[in-house]
Protein backbone atom coordinates (compact mmCIF):
# COMPACT_ATOMS: atom_id res chain seq x y z
CA MET A 1 -20.34 -22.37 -107.07
CA LYS A 2 -20.32 -25.42 -109.36
CA LYS A 3 -23.34 -26.87 -107.55
CA GLU A 4 -25.22 -23.61 -108.12
CA ILE A 5 -24.42 -23.66 -111.84
CA TYR A 6 -25.48 -27.29 -112.11
CA PHE A 7 -28.74 -26.50 -110.30
CA TRP A 8 -29.67 -23.74 -112.74
CA ILE A 9 -28.67 -25.84 -115.76
CA ILE A 10 -30.80 -28.76 -114.57
CA LEU A 11 -33.74 -26.51 -113.67
CA SER A 12 -33.60 -24.62 -116.98
CA THR A 13 -33.37 -27.87 -118.95
CA PHE A 14 -36.29 -29.41 -117.08
CA SER A 15 -38.36 -26.24 -117.46
CA PHE A 16 -37.70 -26.05 -121.20
CA LEU A 17 -38.43 -29.75 -121.82
CA PHE A 18 -41.57 -29.81 -119.69
CA ALA A 19 -42.89 -26.58 -121.23
CA SER A 20 -42.15 -27.90 -124.74
CA TRP A 21 -44.05 -31.11 -124.08
CA LEU A 22 -46.97 -29.26 -122.46
CA MET A 23 -47.43 -26.77 -125.29
CA PHE A 24 -46.89 -29.10 -128.24
CA HIS A 25 -49.01 -31.79 -126.60
CA THR A 26 -51.99 -29.43 -126.50
CA PHE A 27 -51.39 -27.68 -129.84
CA SER A 28 -49.48 -29.01 -132.83
CA TYR A 29 -49.84 -29.42 -136.58
CA ASP A 30 -50.20 -32.27 -139.05
CA GLY A 31 -48.38 -31.14 -142.17
CA LYS A 32 -49.67 -34.02 -144.30
CA SER A 33 -53.34 -33.11 -143.85
CA SER A 34 -52.72 -29.40 -143.18
CA SER A 35 -54.60 -29.64 -139.91
CA MET A 36 -54.14 -27.88 -136.60
CA LEU A 37 -54.19 -30.46 -133.80
CA ILE A 38 -55.95 -28.93 -130.80
CA ALA A 39 -56.46 -30.72 -127.48
CA PRO A 40 -60.17 -30.98 -126.56
CA LYS A 41 -59.58 -29.14 -123.28
CA ALA A 42 -58.05 -26.22 -125.22
CA TRP A 43 -60.69 -26.25 -127.98
CA SER A 44 -62.90 -23.52 -126.53
CA ASP A 45 -60.20 -20.94 -125.74
CA PHE A 46 -58.42 -21.48 -129.05
CA GLY A 47 -61.71 -20.61 -130.75
CA ALA A 48 -60.88 -17.01 -129.81
CA HIS A 49 -57.07 -17.14 -130.04
CA ILE A 50 -56.74 -18.62 -133.55
CA PRO A 51 -58.93 -15.91 -135.20
CA LEU A 52 -56.93 -13.20 -133.39
CA ILE A 53 -53.59 -14.68 -134.49
CA ARG A 54 -54.74 -15.09 -138.08
CA SER A 55 -56.17 -11.55 -138.18
CA PHE A 56 -52.56 -10.38 -137.80
CA SER A 57 -50.77 -13.01 -139.90
CA LEU A 58 -53.19 -13.35 -142.83
CA GLY A 59 -55.44 -10.33 -142.36
CA ASN A 60 -54.97 -6.60 -141.99
CA ASN A 61 -55.82 -5.76 -138.42
CA TRP A 62 -54.22 -2.47 -137.43
CA PRO A 63 -55.34 -0.53 -135.47
CA PRO A 64 -56.44 -3.78 -133.86
CA GLN A 65 -60.07 -4.85 -133.72
CA SER A 66 -61.53 -8.09 -132.47
CA PRO A 67 -61.91 -10.45 -135.45
CA LEU A 68 -65.09 -11.65 -133.70
CA PHE A 69 -66.55 -8.15 -133.25
CA PRO A 70 -65.16 -5.75 -135.89
CA GLY A 71 -65.98 -2.10 -136.31
CA VAL A 72 -64.81 -0.84 -132.90
CA PRO A 73 -61.39 -0.81 -131.16
CA ILE A 74 -60.30 -4.07 -129.58
CA ARG A 75 -61.13 -4.69 -125.93
CA TYR A 76 -58.65 -7.50 -125.35
CA HIS A 77 -54.94 -7.40 -124.53
CA PHE A 78 -53.58 -8.44 -127.89
CA LEU A 79 -49.77 -8.14 -127.88
CA PHE A 80 -48.92 -11.82 -127.27
CA TYR A 81 -51.11 -12.97 -130.14
CA PHE A 82 -49.86 -10.11 -132.31
CA LEU A 83 -46.35 -11.48 -131.76
CA VAL A 84 -47.54 -14.97 -132.71
CA GLY A 85 -49.21 -13.58 -135.83
CA MET A 86 -46.02 -11.78 -136.84
CA LEU A 87 -44.00 -14.98 -136.37
CA GLU A 88 -46.42 -16.84 -138.64
CA LYS A 89 -46.35 -13.99 -141.13
CA ALA A 90 -42.54 -14.23 -141.12
CA GLY A 91 -42.75 -17.86 -142.21
CA LEU A 92 -43.09 -20.01 -139.09
CA ARG A 93 -45.86 -22.60 -139.11
CA ILE A 94 -48.61 -21.62 -136.70
CA ASP A 95 -47.83 -24.32 -134.12
CA TRP A 96 -44.21 -23.15 -133.87
CA ALA A 97 -45.28 -19.50 -133.95
CA LEU A 98 -47.60 -20.05 -130.97
CA ASN A 99 -45.60 -22.63 -129.05
CA ILE A 100 -42.21 -20.88 -129.08
CA PRO A 101 -43.37 -17.81 -127.06
CA SER A 102 -45.60 -20.11 -124.97
CA ILE A 103 -42.60 -22.30 -124.08
CA ILE A 104 -40.45 -19.26 -123.32
CA GLY A 105 -43.20 -17.88 -121.08
CA PHE A 106 -43.91 -21.09 -119.15
CA ALA A 107 -40.28 -22.16 -118.80
CA GLY A 108 -39.35 -18.61 -117.84
CA LEU A 109 -42.07 -18.62 -115.19
CA LEU A 110 -40.70 -21.82 -113.61
CA VAL A 111 -37.14 -20.48 -113.56
CA LEU A 112 -38.23 -17.11 -112.16
CA ILE A 113 -40.26 -18.77 -109.41
CA ALA A 114 -37.05 -20.49 -108.35
CA ILE A 115 -35.01 -17.28 -108.64
CA VAL A 116 -37.44 -15.25 -106.51
CA ALA A 117 -37.79 -18.02 -103.89
CA LYS A 118 -34.01 -18.50 -103.69
CA ARG A 119 -33.39 -14.75 -103.35
CA LEU A 120 -36.00 -14.32 -100.66
CA PHE A 121 -35.26 -17.37 -98.53
CA ASN A 122 -31.69 -18.24 -99.59
CA ARG A 123 -32.51 -21.96 -99.73
CA TRP A 124 -32.42 -24.24 -102.76
CA SER A 125 -35.02 -26.48 -101.13
CA VAL A 126 -37.52 -23.61 -100.98
CA ALA A 127 -36.91 -22.84 -104.67
CA VAL A 128 -37.52 -26.46 -105.71
CA LEU A 129 -40.59 -26.87 -103.50
CA SER A 130 -42.07 -23.61 -104.84
CA ILE A 131 -41.94 -25.07 -108.35
CA VAL A 132 -43.42 -28.39 -107.19
CA LEU A 133 -46.30 -26.62 -105.45
CA PHE A 134 -46.91 -24.52 -108.57
CA LEU A 135 -47.03 -27.54 -110.88
CA PHE A 136 -49.24 -29.61 -108.55
CA ASN A 137 -52.10 -27.56 -107.12
CA GLY A 138 -53.25 -27.95 -103.54
CA SER A 139 -57.03 -27.84 -103.96
CA LEU A 140 -59.25 -30.53 -102.46
CA SER A 141 -60.48 -31.80 -105.82
CA PHE A 142 -58.91 -35.18 -104.95
CA ILE A 143 -61.88 -35.72 -102.64
CA ARG A 144 -64.20 -35.55 -105.67
CA PHE A 145 -61.95 -37.99 -107.51
CA PHE A 146 -62.07 -40.59 -104.74
CA GLN A 147 -65.83 -40.15 -104.40
CA LYS A 148 -66.10 -41.26 -108.01
CA HIS A 149 -63.25 -43.77 -107.82
CA PRO A 150 -63.28 -45.24 -104.28
CA LEU A 151 -59.85 -45.91 -102.78
CA SER A 152 -58.69 -49.42 -103.70
CA PHE A 153 -55.81 -51.36 -105.26
CA HIS A 154 -56.95 -49.90 -108.59
CA SER A 155 -56.57 -46.29 -107.45
CA LEU A 156 -53.22 -45.72 -109.15
CA PRO A 157 -54.44 -47.01 -112.55
CA ASP A 158 -57.63 -44.97 -112.05
CA ILE A 159 -55.48 -41.85 -111.69
CA ILE A 160 -53.08 -42.67 -114.53
CA PHE A 161 -55.79 -43.43 -117.08
CA ASN A 162 -58.18 -40.69 -115.99
CA SER A 163 -59.17 -38.26 -118.75
CA ALA A 164 -61.47 -35.83 -116.90
CA PHE A 165 -60.70 -33.29 -114.21
CA PRO A 166 -62.38 -34.33 -110.93
CA SER A 167 -63.76 -30.81 -110.55
CA PHE A 168 -64.12 -28.14 -113.20
CA GLY A 169 -66.17 -25.40 -111.59
CA PRO A 170 -68.14 -23.40 -112.32
CA TRP A 171 -68.93 -25.21 -115.61
CA ASP A 172 -69.60 -28.64 -114.07
CA GLY A 173 -71.46 -27.19 -111.07
CA LYS A 174 -68.79 -28.33 -108.60
CA LEU A 175 -67.21 -26.19 -105.93
CA VAL A 176 -63.53 -26.48 -106.89
CA SER A 177 -62.73 -24.15 -109.79
CA ALA A 178 -61.02 -25.10 -113.03
CA PHE A 179 -58.30 -22.46 -112.64
CA TRP A 180 -55.75 -24.18 -110.42
CA ASN A 181 -54.44 -26.91 -112.74
CA LEU A 182 -52.04 -26.52 -115.68
CA ASN A 183 -54.92 -26.43 -118.14
CA ILE A 184 -55.20 -22.70 -117.49
CA TYR A 185 -51.69 -22.19 -118.90
CA THR A 186 -52.18 -24.40 -121.95
CA ASN A 187 -55.39 -22.56 -122.85
CA GLN A 188 -54.43 -18.98 -121.99
CA ARG A 189 -50.99 -19.01 -123.58
CA HIS A 190 -50.22 -15.41 -122.62
CA LEU A 191 -50.78 -16.02 -118.91
CA ALA A 192 -47.48 -17.71 -117.96
CA PHE A 193 -45.61 -15.20 -120.12
CA SER A 194 -47.30 -12.36 -118.21
CA PHE A 195 -46.65 -13.84 -114.77
CA ALA A 196 -42.99 -14.40 -115.71
CA LEU A 197 -42.72 -10.69 -116.49
CA VAL A 198 -44.30 -9.79 -113.14
CA LEU A 199 -41.71 -11.90 -111.30
CA LEU A 200 -38.94 -10.42 -113.42
CA GLY A 201 -40.14 -6.96 -112.42
CA ILE A 202 -40.01 -7.93 -108.73
CA VAL A 203 -36.47 -9.27 -109.22
CA LEU A 204 -35.35 -6.08 -110.99
CA ILE A 205 -36.73 -3.67 -108.41
CA SER A 206 -35.30 -5.78 -105.57
CA GLY A 207 -31.76 -5.65 -107.00
CA LYS A 208 -29.15 -3.38 -105.50
CA ARG A 209 -28.08 -0.24 -107.37
CA THR A 210 -24.37 0.50 -107.35
CA THR A 211 -23.94 2.93 -110.26
CA VAL A 212 -25.91 5.47 -112.27
CA ASN A 213 -25.80 3.10 -115.26
CA HIS A 214 -27.30 0.37 -113.13
CA LEU A 215 -30.07 2.73 -112.05
CA SER A 216 -30.82 3.59 -115.70
CA PHE A 217 -30.85 -0.10 -116.67
CA GLN A 218 -33.17 -0.89 -113.78
CA SER A 219 -35.60 1.91 -114.66
CA ILE A 220 -35.68 1.00 -118.36
CA GLY A 221 -36.16 -2.69 -117.54
CA ILE A 222 -39.07 -1.99 -115.19
CA ALA A 223 -40.64 0.39 -117.72
CA PHE A 224 -40.30 -2.22 -120.47
CA ILE A 225 -42.06 -4.80 -118.31
CA MET A 226 -44.88 -2.39 -117.48
CA VAL A 227 -45.41 -1.44 -121.12
CA VAL A 228 -45.39 -5.05 -122.36
CA LEU A 229 -47.85 -6.08 -119.62
CA LEU A 230 -50.22 -3.22 -120.48
CA PHE A 231 -50.56 -4.63 -123.99
CA THR A 232 -50.27 -8.33 -123.06
CA ASN A 233 -52.30 -8.86 -119.89
CA GLN A 234 -53.83 -5.94 -118.05
CA ALA A 235 -54.64 -8.03 -114.97
CA ALA A 236 -50.93 -8.89 -114.70
CA ALA A 237 -50.12 -5.20 -115.19
CA LEU A 238 -52.35 -4.39 -112.21
CA ILE A 239 -50.69 -7.16 -110.18
CA VAL A 240 -47.18 -5.82 -110.80
CA LEU A 241 -48.42 -2.30 -110.08
CA ILE A 242 -49.64 -3.48 -106.67
CA TRP A 243 -46.20 -4.93 -105.87
CA PHE A 244 -44.37 -1.88 -107.19
CA ALA A 245 -46.60 0.48 -105.19
CA TRP A 246 -45.95 -1.45 -101.99
CA ILE A 247 -42.18 -1.64 -102.65
CA PHE A 248 -42.25 2.12 -103.34
CA ILE A 249 -43.71 2.66 -99.85
CA LEU A 250 -41.49 0.06 -98.21
CA LYS A 251 -38.07 0.85 -99.69
CA LYS A 252 -36.68 4.34 -100.18
CA GLU A 253 -34.00 3.13 -102.59
CA ALA A 254 -36.68 1.79 -104.96
CA ARG A 255 -38.49 5.10 -105.37
CA ILE A 256 -36.24 6.79 -107.93
CA PRO A 257 -36.15 3.89 -110.44
CA LEU A 258 -39.91 3.41 -110.08
CA VAL A 259 -40.59 7.11 -110.72
CA PHE A 260 -38.31 7.05 -113.77
CA ALA A 261 -40.00 3.87 -115.01
CA ALA A 262 -43.45 5.45 -114.59
CA CYS A 263 -42.37 8.48 -116.63
CA ILE A 264 -41.08 6.23 -119.42
CA SER A 265 -44.27 4.12 -119.40
CA LEU A 266 -46.80 6.96 -119.43
CA PRO A 267 -46.68 7.72 -123.21
CA TYR A 268 -47.34 4.05 -123.96
CA LEU A 269 -50.36 4.10 -121.68
CA LEU A 270 -51.71 6.96 -123.80
CA ILE A 271 -51.06 4.91 -126.96
CA LEU A 272 -52.91 1.96 -125.43
CA THR A 273 -55.96 4.08 -124.61
CA SER A 274 -55.98 5.52 -128.14
CA ILE A 275 -56.09 2.15 -129.95
CA THR A 276 -58.10 0.05 -127.47
CA GLU A 277 -61.19 0.39 -125.33
CA PRO A 278 -61.69 -0.86 -121.76
CA SER A 279 -63.72 -4.04 -121.47
CA GLY A 280 -65.84 -2.47 -118.75
CA SER A 281 -65.71 -0.67 -115.44
CA ILE A 282 -64.85 -2.24 -112.09
CA LYS A 283 -68.00 -3.40 -110.29
CA PHE A 284 -68.72 -4.21 -106.66
CA ASN A 285 -69.52 -7.93 -106.73
CA PRO A 286 -68.48 -9.68 -103.49
CA GLY A 287 -67.94 -13.42 -103.32
CA TYR A 288 -66.12 -14.27 -106.56
CA LEU A 289 -67.78 -17.50 -107.86
CA ILE A 290 -69.52 -18.37 -104.60
CA LEU A 291 -73.24 -18.95 -104.94
CA LYS A 292 -75.43 -16.18 -103.61
CA PRO A 293 -76.59 -15.24 -101.04
CA LEU A 294 -73.05 -14.96 -99.74
CA THR A 295 -72.47 -16.07 -96.15
CA ILE A 296 -69.30 -16.48 -94.10
CA PRO A 297 -69.63 -20.31 -93.90
CA MET A 298 -70.09 -20.49 -97.69
CA PHE A 299 -67.09 -18.21 -98.23
CA LEU A 300 -64.86 -20.30 -95.96
CA THR A 301 -66.08 -23.57 -97.48
CA PHE A 302 -65.45 -22.37 -101.01
CA TRP A 303 -61.89 -21.27 -100.33
CA TRP A 304 -61.10 -24.28 -98.16
CA GLN A 305 -62.11 -26.50 -101.09
CA ASN A 306 -60.17 -24.42 -103.62
CA LEU A 307 -57.02 -23.61 -101.64
CA GLY A 308 -56.96 -26.77 -99.57
CA PHE A 309 -54.26 -26.87 -96.90
CA SER A 310 -52.65 -23.80 -98.48
CA MET A 311 -55.34 -21.88 -96.63
CA VAL A 312 -53.41 -22.84 -93.46
CA THR A 313 -49.84 -23.12 -94.69
CA ILE A 314 -49.67 -19.71 -96.41
CA PRO A 315 -50.59 -17.71 -93.25
CA LEU A 316 -48.30 -19.93 -91.12
CA GLY A 317 -45.50 -19.51 -93.67
CA LEU A 318 -45.96 -15.76 -93.46
CA LEU A 319 -45.64 -15.91 -89.66
CA VAL A 320 -42.39 -17.90 -89.67
CA ALA A 321 -40.85 -16.14 -92.69
CA PRO A 322 -37.94 -13.72 -92.18
CA LYS A 323 -39.07 -10.21 -91.34
CA LYS A 324 -37.98 -8.71 -94.67
CA VAL A 325 -40.04 -11.34 -96.55
CA ARG A 326 -43.02 -10.87 -94.27
CA ASN A 327 -42.93 -7.12 -94.83
CA LEU A 328 -42.64 -7.57 -98.60
CA PHE A 329 -45.47 -10.11 -98.88
CA ILE A 330 -48.16 -9.23 -96.41
CA ILE A 331 -49.89 -6.24 -98.05
CA PRO A 332 -49.71 -7.35 -101.73
CA LEU A 333 -50.95 -10.86 -100.84
CA LEU A 334 -53.85 -9.46 -98.84
CA ILE A 335 -54.81 -7.16 -101.72
CA LEU A 336 -54.52 -9.97 -104.30
CA PHE A 337 -56.84 -12.15 -102.26
CA ILE A 338 -59.32 -9.61 -100.90
CA ALA A 339 -59.80 -7.29 -103.91
CA PRO A 340 -60.95 -9.96 -106.44
CA ASN A 341 -63.23 -11.35 -103.76
CA ILE A 342 -64.95 -7.96 -103.55
CA TRP A 343 -64.80 -6.41 -107.02
CA ARG A 344 -65.33 -7.70 -110.55
CA PHE A 345 -62.60 -6.33 -112.81
CA SER A 346 -64.15 -7.34 -116.16
CA PRO A 347 -67.64 -8.26 -117.43
CA ASP A 348 -67.00 -11.92 -116.56
CA MET A 349 -66.25 -12.54 -112.87
CA ILE A 350 -64.40 -15.71 -113.87
CA ASN A 351 -61.51 -13.58 -115.17
CA ASN A 352 -60.62 -12.62 -111.58
CA HIS A 353 -58.87 -16.00 -111.38
CA LYS A 354 -55.64 -14.35 -112.60
CA PHE A 355 -55.26 -12.50 -109.30
CA PHE A 356 -55.74 -15.70 -107.32
CA ASN A 357 -53.31 -17.59 -109.59
CA PHE A 358 -50.56 -15.11 -108.82
CA PHE A 359 -51.54 -15.04 -105.15
CA LEU A 360 -50.86 -18.79 -105.11
CA ILE A 361 -47.54 -18.47 -106.96
CA MET A 362 -46.22 -16.16 -104.24
CA GLY A 363 -48.11 -17.92 -101.43
CA ASN A 364 -46.56 -21.25 -102.47
CA MET A 365 -43.13 -19.81 -101.64
CA LEU A 366 -44.31 -19.23 -98.08
CA THR A 367 -45.71 -22.75 -97.93
CA ALA A 368 -42.42 -24.13 -99.27
CA TYR A 369 -40.46 -22.26 -96.59
CA LEU A 370 -42.82 -23.54 -93.88
CA LEU A 371 -42.34 -27.14 -95.08
CA VAL A 372 -38.55 -26.75 -95.06
CA ARG A 373 -38.66 -25.34 -91.53
CA LEU A 374 -40.96 -28.16 -90.44
CA PHE A 375 -38.64 -30.75 -91.99
CA GLU A 376 -35.70 -29.22 -90.13
CA CYS A 377 -37.49 -28.85 -86.78
CA GLY A 378 -36.31 -32.27 -85.64
CA ARG A 379 -32.71 -31.28 -86.34
CA SER A 380 -33.24 -28.06 -84.39
CA VAL A 381 -34.53 -30.01 -81.41
CA HIS A 382 -31.64 -32.44 -81.77
CA ASN A 383 -29.13 -29.57 -81.50
CA SER A 384 -30.81 -28.06 -78.46
CA ASP A 385 -30.55 -28.92 -74.78
CA ILE A 386 -34.27 -28.68 -74.06
CA PHE A 387 -34.58 -32.39 -73.34
CA ALA A 388 -32.42 -34.23 -70.86
CA ASP A 389 -32.36 -37.23 -73.11
CA LYS A 390 -29.14 -39.13 -72.60
CA ASP A 391 -29.63 -41.65 -75.40
CA GLY A 392 -31.37 -39.18 -77.71
CA TYR A 393 -34.54 -41.30 -78.15
CA VAL A 394 -36.97 -38.41 -77.72
CA LYS A 395 -34.97 -36.25 -80.09
CA LYS A 396 -34.89 -39.02 -82.70
CA ILE A 397 -38.63 -39.54 -82.39
CA LEU A 398 -39.28 -35.82 -82.82
CA ASN A 399 -36.97 -35.76 -85.82
CA VAL A 400 -38.85 -38.63 -87.46
CA PHE A 401 -42.20 -37.06 -86.55
CA CYS A 402 -41.27 -33.70 -88.12
CA ARG A 403 -40.10 -35.31 -91.33
CA LEU A 404 -43.12 -37.59 -91.52
CA LEU A 405 -45.46 -34.63 -90.94
CA THR A 406 -43.67 -32.69 -93.69
CA CYS A 407 -44.16 -35.55 -96.14
CA ILE A 408 -47.85 -35.85 -95.25
CA CYS A 409 -48.35 -32.10 -95.73
CA LEU A 410 -46.54 -32.14 -99.07
CA PHE A 411 -48.61 -35.13 -100.19
CA LEU A 412 -51.89 -33.37 -99.32
CA LEU A 413 -50.70 -30.15 -100.99
CA THR A 414 -49.87 -31.86 -104.28
CA LEU A 415 -52.26 -34.81 -104.60
CA SER A 416 -54.93 -32.91 -106.53
CA GLY A 417 -52.30 -31.50 -108.87
CA PHE A 418 -50.92 -34.98 -109.48
CA ILE A 419 -54.41 -36.26 -110.33
CA ASP A 420 -55.09 -33.20 -112.50
CA LEU A 421 -51.96 -33.80 -114.58
CA PHE A 422 -53.26 -37.01 -116.18
CA PRO A 423 -56.34 -35.55 -117.89
CA ILE A 424 -53.89 -33.29 -119.72
CA ILE A 425 -51.53 -36.19 -120.49
CA ASN A 426 -54.44 -38.31 -121.73
CA ASP A 427 -55.98 -35.53 -123.84
CA ARG A 428 -55.82 -36.50 -127.52
CA ALA A 429 -55.74 -33.60 -129.94
CA GLY A 430 -58.40 -33.37 -132.66
CA PRO A 431 -57.80 -32.02 -136.16
CA LEU A 432 -58.99 -28.67 -137.48
CA LEU A 433 -58.59 -28.57 -141.25
CA ASP A 434 -56.49 -25.58 -142.25
CA ILE A 435 -55.34 -23.84 -145.42
CA PRO A 436 -54.68 -25.16 -148.09
CA ASN A 437 -56.92 -28.22 -147.56
CA ASN A 438 -59.81 -26.22 -146.10
CA LYS A 439 -61.52 -25.10 -149.32
CA ASP A 440 -63.81 -22.61 -147.57
CA ALA A 441 -60.89 -20.88 -145.83
CA VAL A 442 -58.96 -20.83 -149.12
CA PHE A 443 -61.84 -19.03 -150.81
CA PHE A 444 -61.93 -16.32 -148.14
CA LEU A 445 -58.15 -15.96 -148.29
CA LYS A 446 -57.94 -15.64 -152.09
CA HIS A 447 -61.18 -13.88 -152.99
CA THR A 448 -61.71 -11.38 -150.19
CA ASP A 449 -59.71 -8.39 -149.06
CA ALA A 450 -57.73 -8.57 -145.83
CA ARG A 451 -59.95 -5.88 -144.25
CA ASP A 452 -63.30 -7.33 -145.35
CA ILE A 453 -66.01 -8.09 -142.78
CA ILE A 454 -67.96 -11.31 -143.32
CA LEU A 455 -71.53 -11.72 -142.10
CA ASN A 456 -71.45 -15.19 -140.57
CA SER A 457 -74.18 -17.74 -139.91
CA THR A 458 -71.92 -20.01 -137.79
CA TRP A 459 -69.53 -19.26 -134.95
CA PHE A 460 -66.68 -21.51 -133.90
CA TYR A 461 -63.56 -21.75 -136.06
CA HIS A 462 -65.28 -20.04 -138.96
CA PRO A 463 -63.37 -20.57 -142.23
CA ALA A 464 -63.16 -16.80 -142.70
CA SER A 465 -61.46 -16.57 -139.28
CA LEU A 466 -58.91 -19.19 -140.34
CA ALA A 467 -58.17 -16.98 -143.35
CA GLY A 468 -57.59 -13.93 -141.14
CA ARG A 469 -60.88 -12.22 -141.99
CA LYS A 470 -63.22 -10.63 -139.46
CA ILE A 471 -66.64 -12.15 -138.90
CA PHE A 472 -69.49 -9.84 -137.95
CA SER A 473 -70.63 -11.60 -134.77
CA GLY A 474 -68.47 -14.16 -133.01
CA PHE A 475 -69.31 -16.66 -130.29
CA SER A 476 -71.52 -14.88 -127.74
CA TYR A 477 -69.51 -15.83 -124.67
CA PHE A 478 -66.33 -14.39 -126.13
CA THR A 479 -67.86 -11.11 -127.28
CA TRP A 480 -69.86 -10.64 -124.08
CA SER A 481 -66.90 -11.42 -121.79
CA TYR A 482 -64.74 -8.90 -123.69
CA GLY A 483 -67.31 -6.23 -122.89
CA TYR A 484 -68.92 -5.77 -126.31
CA ASN A 485 -72.64 -5.16 -126.78
CA GLN A 486 -73.11 -8.67 -128.11
CA GLY A 487 -76.91 -8.53 -127.86
CA SER A 488 -77.34 -5.58 -130.24
CA ARG A 489 -74.85 -7.08 -132.72
CA GLU A 490 -76.78 -10.35 -132.79
CA GLN A 491 -80.04 -8.47 -133.32
CA ILE A 492 -78.60 -6.84 -136.46
CA GLN A 493 -77.34 -10.23 -137.61
CA LYS A 494 -80.79 -11.76 -137.13
CA ARG A 495 -82.52 -8.88 -138.92
CA ILE A 496 -80.32 -9.26 -142.00
CA PHE A 497 -80.79 -13.02 -142.33
CA ALA A 498 -84.55 -12.73 -141.76
CA ALA A 499 -85.02 -9.57 -143.88
CA PRO A 500 -88.25 -9.64 -145.94
CA ASN A 501 -86.65 -7.97 -148.97
CA ILE A 502 -83.28 -7.08 -150.43
CA ASN A 503 -83.71 -3.34 -149.77
CA GLU A 504 -83.88 -3.79 -146.01
CA ALA A 505 -81.07 -6.34 -146.03
CA CYS A 506 -78.77 -4.13 -148.11
CA GLN A 507 -79.42 -1.11 -145.91
CA LEU A 508 -78.24 -3.03 -142.88
CA LEU A 509 -75.31 -4.61 -144.73
CA LYS A 510 -73.99 -1.26 -145.98
CA ALA A 511 -74.52 0.44 -142.61
CA ASN A 512 -72.32 -2.19 -140.97
CA ASP A 513 -69.60 -2.31 -143.69
CA ILE A 514 -70.29 -5.97 -144.46
CA ARG A 515 -68.63 -7.10 -147.70
CA PHE A 516 -69.65 -10.79 -147.98
CA ILE A 517 -72.34 -13.02 -146.51
CA GLU A 518 -71.61 -16.60 -145.47
CA LEU A 519 -74.75 -18.75 -145.26
CA SER A 520 -74.51 -22.31 -143.99
CA ASP A 521 -77.02 -25.11 -144.53
CA ARG A 522 -76.69 -25.58 -140.74
CA PRO A 523 -76.68 -22.08 -139.23
CA GLU A 524 -76.69 -21.28 -135.52
CA GLN A 525 -80.05 -22.11 -133.98
CA TYR A 526 -80.88 -18.55 -132.93
CA LEU A 527 -80.93 -17.44 -136.59
CA THR A 528 -84.03 -17.53 -138.76
CA ILE A 529 -83.04 -17.52 -142.43
CA ASN A 530 -85.14 -16.15 -145.28
CA ARG A 531 -83.49 -18.48 -147.80
CA LEU A 532 -85.73 -17.37 -150.65
CA LEU A 533 -84.29 -13.87 -150.34
CA PHE A 534 -80.71 -15.10 -150.76
CA THR A 535 -81.38 -17.60 -153.54
CA GLN A 536 -83.41 -15.12 -155.62
CA SER A 537 -81.97 -11.68 -154.81
CA PHE A 538 -78.31 -12.12 -153.86
CA ILE A 539 -75.43 -13.06 -156.13
CA ARG A 540 -73.69 -16.19 -154.97
CA VAL A 541 -69.93 -16.30 -155.61
CA TYR A 542 -69.06 -19.54 -153.83
CA ARG A 543 -70.68 -22.84 -152.91
CA ASN A 544 -69.26 -25.92 -151.18
CA ASN A 545 -71.77 -28.77 -151.11
CA GLN A 546 -69.56 -30.79 -148.80
CA SER A 547 -69.44 -28.19 -146.01
CA GLY A 548 -72.83 -26.69 -146.88
CA ILE A 549 -71.48 -23.13 -147.12
CA SER A 550 -72.56 -20.50 -149.64
CA VAL A 551 -71.02 -17.03 -149.95
CA TYR A 552 -72.79 -13.98 -151.39
CA ASP A 553 -71.22 -10.77 -152.67
CA VAL A 554 -72.80 -7.72 -151.00
CA ILE A 555 -71.51 -5.07 -153.44
CA ALA A 556 -72.54 -7.03 -156.53
CA SER A 557 -75.96 -7.77 -155.03
CA CYS A 558 -76.73 -4.30 -153.65
CA GLN A 559 -75.07 -2.00 -156.20
CA LYS A 560 -78.28 -1.34 -158.17
CA LEU A 561 -80.21 -0.23 -155.10
């Protein structure tokens, strides 16, 4: 019993410390300069997350709208970033407000991986290996690394001082995707939190019910998880629904709590549909990120490169797993792998990675069990009478062979993850000037209303976004991938900035509830600016020569028309 307590204390401590380092290393704050410190590899994703957080903490964003596409209900699961915004609003600095729930989510995910693996296989070794395999992905990206850095006496320093992922598909054109290393959890802070809730749901529904009170607690707990996931990560909500549906079919004793939980959750689903809009319908789009035309060899090559030896160990682990585990895993794992390979669940096919990420979390448990069985196979042979080996030489050789083979397999299953860890370690955060030292953001905070919409001429980390205000048209990739009609919004934006006269400009501004216009000396390249119109016909209320930003008051400029 003491050993078990020590194990959980050590695991929880490690999980908390590692998660704390990971989150603060990629996002922190310099109080002296009032700057957010954002790791370069997290820079793009945080360009969407920071505006959403600030729309809740410094703005007025309820019912929620996207701060990058205002005027219509939000099409993004917002609850995690709403929580962060409320923590900042309550007085926590933004790095603490974001990192505390991120740490809880990631550390909780590590602990829950161990809990689920230990419950299913009743082995501490499987629990530990499941965490190791989660932290160090098993893709074949190490091949790309050694193509660039040939194997030599300098290989270890090459790995330690490396600052770029060997493969970062599809953005670098390489076959191995960017979604298997820990960068996905530092960028999408709600993801680990969501997966932890999915595992917690599986633990709850798998527990034994001894009393009516226990049944009520179980139903309420499952309902709570479902509701939180609906608002936090709808892909994770679908994942847990797949597991619950299969457990409902598989286990009679699970049906009553699941039915009760569904009844409790239903009103919240109606609330969700009343304040948000779906990002898009499910589309038939076979092949995930595999280049078209899709062929069987291309499909197998893609997944062999991305899953590596897990493509072999997961099915083998399923075969040797205890029957109850095999029955529990087989259908949900097949669905989690096959469905996102056939259908696109959001406008951007890339987002299907969440299903594969969770597939690997559960599949790694099967791999871990297979490795433990392989490691022990020599002992099994040693205890058997299959060989008439008086001195035990054959048995000893088999024992050594099994253990050596286990080590080789573990090495191949974690090498890419080990290499991928150092680009995160070596990432050096860059500053983003924040309030109060960002004069442009201070202007928007003090001189605009919390609900005002700002017509923007630039995209990323707009000063109005840092002040919690909504900009009319955010970065195209974000708005498109959320399912908004980004093209029509940009056309309106272009028409206003290129308007031949103030009458046409004001008509469009009023029709779209735009309160202020931000015009930069260096606008986005797709915009054509009629600068004479703004200098002669619009009333400027702010100018910063250093940043090159001017701000014009729409009401003051258009009130006479």
